């Protein structure tokens, strides 16, 4: 029997309760999708930062911030 926590209260869902199991499956799919999308964003962000640094190096851009007078 799957368990789910909603508002700090735990509920058990019987495997033969089709309606509740469908809702639970949809919630599970949504959660997994969000986790995957967040992972993709983190990967793309890491590549963007890395390639920005690579371009700076090729262009000879210094990482030191210039002081403004």
N, C-alpha and C. Protein backbone atom coordinates (compact mmCIF):
# COMPACT_ATOMS: atom_id res chain seq x y z
N UNK A 1 0.83 -1.18 0.00
CA UNK A 1 0.00 0.00 0.00
C UNK A 1 0.88 1.25 0.00
N UNK A 2 0.78 2.08 -1.03
CA UNK A 2 1.56 3.32 -1.05
C UNK A 2 1.09 4.29 0.04
N UNK A 3 2.06 5.08 0.51
CA UNK A 3 1.74 6.12 1.49
C UNK A 3 2.13 7.46 0.90
N UNK A 4 1.37 8.48 1.25
CA UNK A 4 1.67 9.84 0.80
C UNK A 4 1.44 10.78 1.97
N UNK A 5 2.27 11.81 2.05
CA UNK A 5 2.13 12.81 3.10
C UNK A 5 1.61 14.09 2.48
N UNK A 6 0.52 14.59 3.02
CA UNK A 6 -0.09 15.85 2.58
C UNK A 6 -0.33 16.69 3.81
N UNK A 7 0.22 17.91 3.81
CA UNK A 7 0.07 18.82 4.94
C UNK A 7 0.47 18.14 6.26
N UNK A 8 1.61 17.49 6.25
CA UNK A 8 2.19 16.83 7.43
C UNK A 8 1.34 15.68 7.97
N UNK A 9 0.41 15.18 7.18
CA UNK A 9 -0.40 14.03 7.60
C UNK A 9 -0.21 12.92 6.57
N UNK A 10 0.04 11.70 7.07
CA UNK A 10 0.30 10.58 6.18
C UNK A 10 -0.99 9.81 5.89
N UNK A 11 -1.13 9.44 4.61
CA UNK A 11 -2.30 8.68 4.16
C UNK A 11 -1.83 7.42 3.45
N UNK A 12 -2.57 6.35 3.63
CA UNK A 12 -2.32 5.12 2.89
C UNK A 12 -3.36 5.00 1.79
N UNK A 13 -2.92 4.56 0.62
CA UNK A 13 -3.83 4.39 -0.50
C UNK A 13 -3.84 2.92 -0.88
N UNK A 14 -5.01 2.35 -0.89
CA UNK A 14 -5.14 0.94 -1.26
C UNK A 14 -4.86 0.77 -2.74
N UNK A 15 -4.13 -0.29 -3.06
CA UNK A 15 -3.76 -0.55 -4.45
C UNK A 15 -4.97 -0.72 -5.37
N UNK A 16 -6.08 -1.16 -4.81
CA UNK A 16 -7.27 -1.40 -5.65
C UNK A 16 -8.17 -0.17 -5.78
N UNK A 17 -7.76 0.96 -5.19
CA UNK A 17 -8.52 2.21 -5.32
C UNK A 17 -8.01 2.94 -6.57
N UNK A 18 -8.59 2.61 -7.70
CA UNK A 18 -8.12 3.07 -9.01
C UNK A 18 -8.05 4.59 -9.11
N UNK A 19 -9.08 5.28 -8.68
CA UNK A 19 -9.11 6.73 -8.80
C UNK A 19 -7.96 7.37 -8.03
N UNK A 20 -7.77 6.96 -6.79
CA UNK A 20 -6.71 7.54 -5.97
C UNK A 20 -5.33 7.15 -6.51
N UNK A 21 -5.18 5.94 -7.00
CA UNK A 21 -3.91 5.50 -7.55
C UNK A 21 -3.56 6.28 -8.82
N UNK A 22 -4.56 6.60 -9.63
CA UNK A 22 -4.31 7.41 -10.84
C UNK A 22 -3.83 8.80 -10.47
N UNK A 23 -4.45 9.38 -9.46
CA UNK A 23 -4.03 10.72 -9.00
C UNK A 23 -2.62 10.65 -8.45
N UNK A 24 -2.34 9.64 -7.64
CA UNK A 24 -1.01 9.46 -7.07
C UNK A 24 0.04 9.26 -8.17
N UNK A 25 -0.29 8.48 -9.18
CA UNK A 25 0.63 8.27 -10.30
C UNK A 25 0.90 9.56 -11.07
N UNK A 26 -0.13 10.37 -11.24
CA UNK A 26 0.05 11.66 -11.91
C UNK A 26 0.96 12.57 -11.09
N UNK A 27 0.74 12.60 -9.78
CA UNK A 27 1.60 13.40 -8.90
C UNK A 27 3.05 12.91 -8.95
N UNK A 28 3.22 11.62 -8.98
CA UNK A 28 4.56 11.03 -9.04
C UNK A 28 5.24 11.39 -10.36
N UNK A 29 4.52 11.29 -11.45
CA UNK A 29 5.06 11.66 -12.76
C UNK A 29 5.45 13.13 -12.78
N UNK A 30 4.60 13.98 -12.23
CA UNK A 30 4.90 15.42 -12.17
C UNK A 30 6.16 15.70 -11.37
N UNK A 31 6.28 15.05 -10.23
CA UNK A 31 7.46 15.24 -9.37
C UNK A 31 8.72 14.78 -10.08
N UNK A 32 8.66 13.62 -10.72
CA UNK A 32 9.82 13.12 -11.47
C UNK A 32 10.18 14.05 -12.62
N UNK A 33 9.19 14.59 -13.28
CA UNK A 33 9.43 15.52 -14.40
C UNK A 33 10.10 16.79 -13.91
N UNK A 34 9.63 17.32 -12.79
CA UNK A 34 10.23 18.53 -12.22
C UNK A 34 11.69 18.27 -11.86
N UNK A 35 11.96 17.13 -11.25
CA UNK A 35 13.35 16.80 -10.89
C UNK A 35 14.23 16.70 -12.12
N UNK A 36 13.73 16.07 -13.18
CA UNK A 36 14.49 15.94 -14.41
C UNK A 36 14.75 17.31 -15.04
N UNK A 37 13.72 18.15 -15.10
CA UNK A 37 13.88 19.48 -15.68
C UNK A 37 14.87 20.32 -14.88
N UNK A 38 14.83 20.24 -13.56
CA UNK A 38 15.79 20.96 -12.73
C UNK A 38 17.21 20.48 -13.00
N UNK A 39 17.38 19.18 -13.18
CA UNK A 39 18.69 18.63 -13.49
C UNK A 39 19.18 19.15 -14.85
N UNK A 40 18.30 19.19 -15.82
CA UNK A 40 18.67 19.69 -17.15
C UNK A 40 19.10 21.16 -17.05
N UNK A 41 18.36 21.96 -16.30
CA UNK A 41 18.70 23.37 -16.13
C UNK A 41 20.08 23.50 -15.50
N UNK A 42 20.36 22.71 -14.47
CA UNK A 42 21.66 22.77 -13.82
C UNK A 42 22.79 22.39 -14.79
N UNK A 43 22.56 21.38 -15.60
CA UNK A 43 23.56 20.96 -16.59
C UNK A 43 23.82 22.05 -17.62
N UNK A 44 22.77 22.63 -18.16
CA UNK A 44 22.92 23.68 -19.17
C UNK A 44 23.60 24.90 -18.55
N UNK A 45 23.24 25.25 -17.33
CA UNK A 45 23.85 26.38 -16.64
C UNK A 45 25.35 26.15 -16.44
N UNK A 46 25.73 24.94 -16.05
CA UNK A 46 27.15 24.63 -15.85
C UNK A 46 27.92 24.75 -17.17
N UNK A 47 27.34 24.28 -18.25
CA UNK A 47 27.98 24.39 -19.56
C UNK A 47 28.11 25.86 -19.96
N UNK A 48 27.07 26.64 -19.73
CA UNK A 48 27.10 28.07 -20.06
C UNK A 48 28.23 28.77 -19.30
N UNK A 49 28.34 28.50 -18.01
CA UNK A 49 29.39 29.13 -17.21
C UNK A 49 30.77 28.70 -17.69
N UNK A 50 30.91 27.41 -17.97
CA UNK A 50 32.19 26.90 -18.45
C UNK A 50 32.59 27.50 -19.78
N UNK A 51 31.66 27.57 -20.70
CA UNK A 51 31.95 28.12 -22.03
C UNK A 51 32.20 29.63 -21.95
N UNK A 52 31.55 30.33 -21.03
CA UNK A 52 31.81 31.75 -20.84
C UNK A 52 33.25 31.96 -20.38
N UNK A 53 33.68 31.14 -19.43
CA UNK A 53 35.06 31.22 -18.96
C UNK A 53 36.04 30.86 -20.08
N UNK A 54 35.70 29.86 -20.86
CA UNK A 54 36.55 29.46 -21.99
C UNK A 54 36.69 30.61 -22.99
N UNK A 55 35.59 31.28 -23.29
CA UNK A 55 35.62 32.41 -24.22
C UNK A 55 36.44 33.56 -23.64
N UNK A 56 36.29 33.83 -22.35
CA UNK A 56 37.08 34.88 -21.70
C UNK A 56 38.57 34.58 -21.85
N UNK A 57 38.94 33.33 -21.63
CA UNK A 57 40.35 32.94 -21.74
C UNK A 57 40.87 33.14 -23.16
N UNK A 58 40.09 32.73 -24.14
CA UNK A 58 40.49 32.87 -25.54
C UNK A 58 40.60 34.34 -25.93
N UNK A 59 39.72 35.17 -25.39
CA UNK A 59 39.74 36.60 -25.69
C UNK A 59 40.78 37.35 -24.87
N UNK A 60 41.34 36.70 -23.87
CA UNK A 60 42.33 37.35 -23.01
C UNK A 60 41.71 38.27 -21.99
N UNK A 61 40.46 38.01 -21.65
CA UNK A 61 39.77 38.84 -20.66
C UNK A 61 40.26 38.44 -19.28
N UNK A 62 40.63 39.44 -18.49
CA UNK A 62 41.10 39.19 -17.13
C UNK A 62 39.91 38.98 -16.20
N UNK A 63 40.06 38.10 -15.23
CA UNK A 63 38.99 37.87 -14.26
C UNK A 63 38.95 38.95 -13.19
N UNK A 64 39.96 39.81 -13.14
CA UNK A 64 39.98 40.88 -12.15
C UNK A 64 39.00 41.97 -12.58
N UNK A 65 38.26 42.47 -11.61
CA UNK A 65 37.35 43.57 -11.90
C UNK A 65 38.14 44.87 -11.95
N UNK A 66 37.85 45.69 -12.95
CA UNK A 66 38.52 46.97 -13.08
C UNK A 66 37.93 47.94 -12.08
N UNK A 67 38.82 48.74 -11.46
CA UNK A 67 38.38 49.78 -10.52
C UNK A 67 37.94 50.99 -11.29
N UNK A 68 36.79 51.55 -10.91
CA UNK A 68 36.35 52.77 -11.58
C UNK A 68 36.73 53.97 -10.72
N UNK A 69 37.18 55.03 -11.39
CA UNK A 69 37.65 56.21 -10.67
C UNK A 69 36.55 57.21 -10.49
